[in-house]
Amino acid sequence: EAAELLASYPVTAGSIAAVRFSPDGRSIAVGGWDSPIWLWGIP
């Protein structure tokens, strides 16, 4: 089976340094070299 895109999130135009999921899988943290840390809830 093919994977299905569930959601997309806008990110900084620069390079992404790290992406991490929370232990419960309900949020994503993204850090870039040119921006603060971004945190999103997963629907």
PDB file of N, CA and C in Angstrom:
ATOM      1  N   GLU A   1       0.829  -1.180   0.000  1.00  0.00           N
ATOM      2  CA  GLU A   1       0.000   0.000   0.000  1.00  0.00           C
ATOM      3  C   GLU A   1       0.870   1.238   0.000  1.00  0.00           C
ATOM      4  N   ALA A   2       0.376   2.285  -0.625  1.00  0.00           N
ATOM      5  CA  ALA A   2       1.077   3.571  -0.639  1.00  0.00           C
ATOM      6  C   ALA A   2       0.731   4.363   0.619  1.00  0.00           C
ATOM      7  N   ALA A   3       1.667   5.170   1.055  1.00  0.00           N
ATOM      8  CA  ALA A   3       1.420   6.046   2.202  1.00  0.00           C
ATOM      9  C   ALA A   3       0.489   7.175   1.791  1.00  0.00           C
ATOM     10  N   GLU A   4      -0.266   7.693   2.727  1.00  0.00           N
ATOM     11  CA  GLU A   4      -1.193   8.789   2.473  1.00  0.00           C
ATOM     12  C   GLU A   4      -0.764  10.015   3.265  1.00  0.00           C
ATOM     13  N   LEU A   5      -0.672  11.162   2.587  1.00  0.00           N
ATOM     14  CA  LEU A   5      -0.355  12.417   3.260  1.00  0.00           C
ATOM     15  C   LEU A   5      -1.556  12.839   4.088  1.00  0.00           C
ATOM     16  N   LEU A   6      -1.359  13.009   5.382  1.00  0.00           N
ATOM     17  CA  LEU A   6      -2.450  13.391   6.274  1.00  0.00           C
ATOM     18  C   LEU A   6      -2.519  14.882   6.504  1.00  0.00           C
ATOM     19  N   ALA A   7      -1.361  15.551   6.512  1.00  0.00           N
ATOM     20  CA  ALA A   7      -1.325  16.988   6.752  1.00  0.00           C
ATOM     21  C   ALA A   7       0.005  17.535   6.276  1.00  0.00           C
ATOM     22  N   SER A   8       0.021  18.817   5.969  1.00  0.00           N
ATOM     23  CA  SER A   8       1.284  19.487   5.663  1.00  0.00           C
ATOM     24  C   SER A   8       1.358  20.749   6.503  1.00  0.00           C
ATOM     25  N   TYR A   9       2.576  21.153   6.826  1.00  0.00           N
ATOM     26  CA  TYR A   9       2.788  22.284   7.706  1.00  0.00           C
ATOM     27  C   TYR A   9       3.799  23.228   7.083  1.00  0.00           C
ATOM     28  N   PRO A  10       3.513  24.532   7.068  1.00  0.00           N
ATOM     29  CA  PRO A  10       4.484  25.482   6.512  1.00  0.00           C
ATOM     30  C   PRO A  10       5.708  25.573   7.420  1.00  0.00           C
ATOM     31  N   VAL A  11       6.871  25.633   6.810  1.00  0.00           N
ATOM     32  CA  VAL A  11       8.128  25.691   7.556  1.00  0.00           C
ATOM     33  C   VAL A  11       8.946  26.837   7.014  1.00  0.00           C
ATOM     34  N   THR A  12       9.937  27.249   7.758  1.00  0.00           N
ATOM     35  CA  THR A  12      10.852  28.298   7.349  1.00  0.00           C
ATOM     36  C   THR A  12      11.461  27.999   5.980  1.00  0.00           C
ATOM     37  N   ALA A  13      11.886  29.023   5.294  1.00  0.00           N
ATOM     38  CA  ALA A  13      12.486  28.855   3.969  1.00  0.00           C
ATOM     39  C   ALA A  13      13.901  28.294   4.048  1.00  0.00           C
ATOM     40  N   GLY A  14      14.510  28.324   5.215  1.00  0.00           N
ATOM     41  CA  GLY A  14      15.882  27.848   5.373  1.00  0.00           C
ATOM     42  C   GLY A  14      15.953  26.348   5.592  1.00  0.00           C
ATOM     43  N   SER A  15      17.126  25.894   5.942  1.00  0.00           N
ATOM     44  CA  SER A  15      17.351  24.466   6.170  1.00  0.00           C
ATOM     45  C   SER A  15      16.761  24.015   7.501  1.00  0.00           C
ATOM     46  N   ILE A  16      16.204  22.825   7.505  1.00  0.00           N
ATOM     47  CA  ILE A  16      15.686  22.227   8.730  1.00  0.00           C
ATOM     48  C   ILE A  16      16.808  21.427   9.371  1.00  0.00           C
ATOM     49  N   ALA A  17      17.050  21.674  10.649  1.00  0.00           N
ATOM     50  CA  ALA A  17      18.133  20.998  11.360  1.00  0.00           C
ATOM     51  C   ALA A  17      17.654  19.728  12.060  1.00  0.00           C
ATOM     52  N   ALA A  18      16.390  19.713  12.518  1.00  0.00           N
ATOM     53  CA  ALA A  18      15.890  18.549  13.252  1.00  0.00           C
ATOM     54  C   ALA A  18      14.373  18.514  13.228  1.00  0.00           C
ATOM     55  N   VAL A  19      13.817  17.309  13.238  1.00  0.00           N
ATOM     56  CA  VAL A  19      12.374  17.085  13.347  1.00  0.00           C
ATOM     57  C   VAL A  19      12.184  15.983  14.375  1.00  0.00           C
ATOM     58  N   ARG A  20      11.304  16.218  15.328  1.00  0.00           N
ATOM     59  CA  ARG A  20      11.051  15.215  16.367  1.00  0.00           C
ATOM     60  C   ARG A  20       9.552  15.111  16.638  1.00  0.00           C
ATOM     61  N   PHE A  21       9.091  13.884  16.871  1.00  0.00           N
ATOM     62  CA  PHE A  21       7.723  13.640  17.295  1.00  0.00           C
ATOM     63  C   PHE A  21       7.690  13.541  18.814  1.00  0.00           C
ATOM     64  N   SER A  22       6.582  13.971  19.402  1.00  0.00           N
ATOM     65  CA  SER A  22       6.416  13.814  20.843  1.00  0.00           C
ATOM     66  C   SER A  22       6.229  12.326  21.154  1.00  0.00           C
ATOM     67  N   PRO A  23       6.486  11.911  22.394  1.00  0.00           N
ATOM     68  CA  PRO A  23       6.334  10.499  22.755  1.00  0.00           C
ATOM     69  C   PRO A  23       4.927   9.952  22.491  1.00  0.00           C
ATOM     70  N   ASP A  24       3.906  10.793  22.641  1.00  0.00           N
ATOM     71  CA  ASP A  24       2.542  10.320  22.399  1.00  0.00           C
ATOM     72  C   ASP A  24       2.122  10.446  20.934  1.00  0.00           C
ATOM     73  N   GLY A  25       3.001  10.986  20.075  1.00  0.00           N
ATOM     74  CA  GLY A  25       2.710  11.094  18.651  1.00  0.00           C
ATOM     75  C   GLY A  25       1.706  12.168  18.286  1.00  0.00           C
ATOM     76  N   ARG A  26       1.413  13.089  19.206  1.00  0.00           N
ATOM     77  CA  ARG A  26       0.386  14.093  18.948  1.00  0.00           C
ATOM     78  C   ARG A  26       0.932  15.460  18.572  1.00  0.00           C
ATOM     79  N   SER A  27       2.255  15.613  18.530  1.00  0.00           N
ATOM     80  CA  SER A  27       2.841  16.883  18.115  1.00  0.00           C
ATOM     81  C   SER A  27       4.199  16.649  17.459  1.00  0.00           C
ATOM     82  N   ILE A  28       4.617  17.650  16.677  1.00  0.00           N
ATOM     83  CA  ILE A  28       5.892  17.614  15.968  1.00  0.00           C
ATOM     84  C   ILE A  28       6.647  18.889  16.306  1.00  0.00           C
ATOM     85  N   ALA A  29       7.925  18.763  16.613  1.00  0.00           N
ATOM     86  CA  ALA A  29       8.798  19.917  16.822  1.00  0.00           C
ATOM     87  C   ALA A  29       9.805  19.955  15.677  1.00  0.00           C
ATOM     88  N   VAL A  30       9.988  21.144  15.083  1.00  0.00           N
ATOM     89  CA  VAL A  30      10.923  21.327  13.977  1.00  0.00           C
ATOM     90  C   VAL A  30      11.841  22.483  14.326  1.00  0.00           C
ATOM     91  N   GLY A  31      13.128  22.270  14.160  1.00  0.00           N
ATOM     92  CA  GLY A  31      14.107  23.324  14.406  1.00  0.00           C
ATOM     93  C   GLY A  31      14.923  23.576  13.156  1.00  0.00           C
ATOM     94  N   GLY A  32      15.130  24.854  12.837  1.00  0.00           N
ATOM     95  CA  GLY A  32      15.930  25.216  11.673  1.00  0.00           C
ATOM     96  C   GLY A  32      17.134  26.033  12.073  1.00  0.00           C
ATOM     97  N   TRP A  33      18.091  26.135  11.170  1.00  0.00           N
ATOM     98  CA  TRP A  33      19.298  26.909  11.444  1.00  0.00           C
ATOM     99  C   TRP A  33      19.008  28.403  11.497  1.00  0.00           C
ATOM    100  N   ASP A  34      17.927  28.850  10.858  1.00  0.00           N
ATOM    101  CA  ASP A  34      17.635  30.280  10.762  1.00  0.00           C
ATOM    102  C   ASP A  34      16.364  30.696  11.498  1.00  0.00           C
ATOM    103  N   SER A  35      15.836  29.841  12.375  1.00  0.00           N
ATOM    104  CA  SER A  35      14.568  30.178  13.017  1.00  0.00           C
ATOM    105  C   SER A  35      14.472  29.540  14.396  1.00  0.00           C
ATOM    106  N   PRO A  36      13.470  29.948  15.173  1.00  0.00           N
ATOM    107  CA  PRO A  36      13.229  29.288  16.456  1.00  0.00           C
ATOM    108  C   PRO A  36      12.640  27.897  16.230  1.00  0.00           C
ATOM    109  N   ILE A  37      12.340  27.231  17.307  1.00  0.00           N
ATOM    110  CA  ILE A  37      11.699  25.920  17.221  1.00  0.00           C
ATOM    111  C   ILE A  37      10.210  26.115  16.944  1.00  0.00           C
ATOM    112  N   TRP A  38       9.686  25.334  16.014  1.00  0.00           N
ATOM    113  CA  TRP A  38       8.266  25.364  15.681  1.00  0.00           C
ATOM    114  C   TRP A  38       7.624  24.106  16.244  1.00  0.00           C
ATOM    115  N   LEU A  39       6.422  24.236  16.800  1.00  0.00           N
ATOM    116  CA  LEU A  39       5.713  23.105  17.382  1.00  0.00           C
ATOM    117  C   LEU A  39       4.309  23.055  16.805  1.00  0.00           C
ATOM    118  N   TRP A  40       3.924  21.890  16.284  1.00  0.00           N
ATOM    119  CA  TRP A  40       2.596  21.722  15.714  1.00  0.00           C
ATOM    120  C   TRP A  40       1.887  20.565  16.388  1.00  0.00           C
ATOM    121  N   GLY A  41       0.576  20.720  16.569  1.00  0.00           N
ATOM    122  CA  GLY A  41      -0.265  19.619  17.006  1.00  0.00           C
ATOM    123  C   GLY A  41      -0.679  18.818  15.788  1.00  0.00           C
ATOM    124  N   ILE A  42      -0.770  17.514  15.929  1.00  0.00           N
ATOM    125  CA  ILE A  42      -1.184  16.646  14.831  1.00  0.00           C
ATOM    126  C   ILE A  42      -2.667  16.362  15.000  1.00  0.00           C
ATOM    127  N   PRO A  43      -3.452  16.662  13.964  1.00  0.00           N
ATOM    128  CA  PRO A  43      -4.904  16.445  14.073  1.00  0.00           C
ATOM    129  C   PRO A  43      -5.274  14.978  14.171  1.00  0.00           C
TER     130      PRO A  43
END
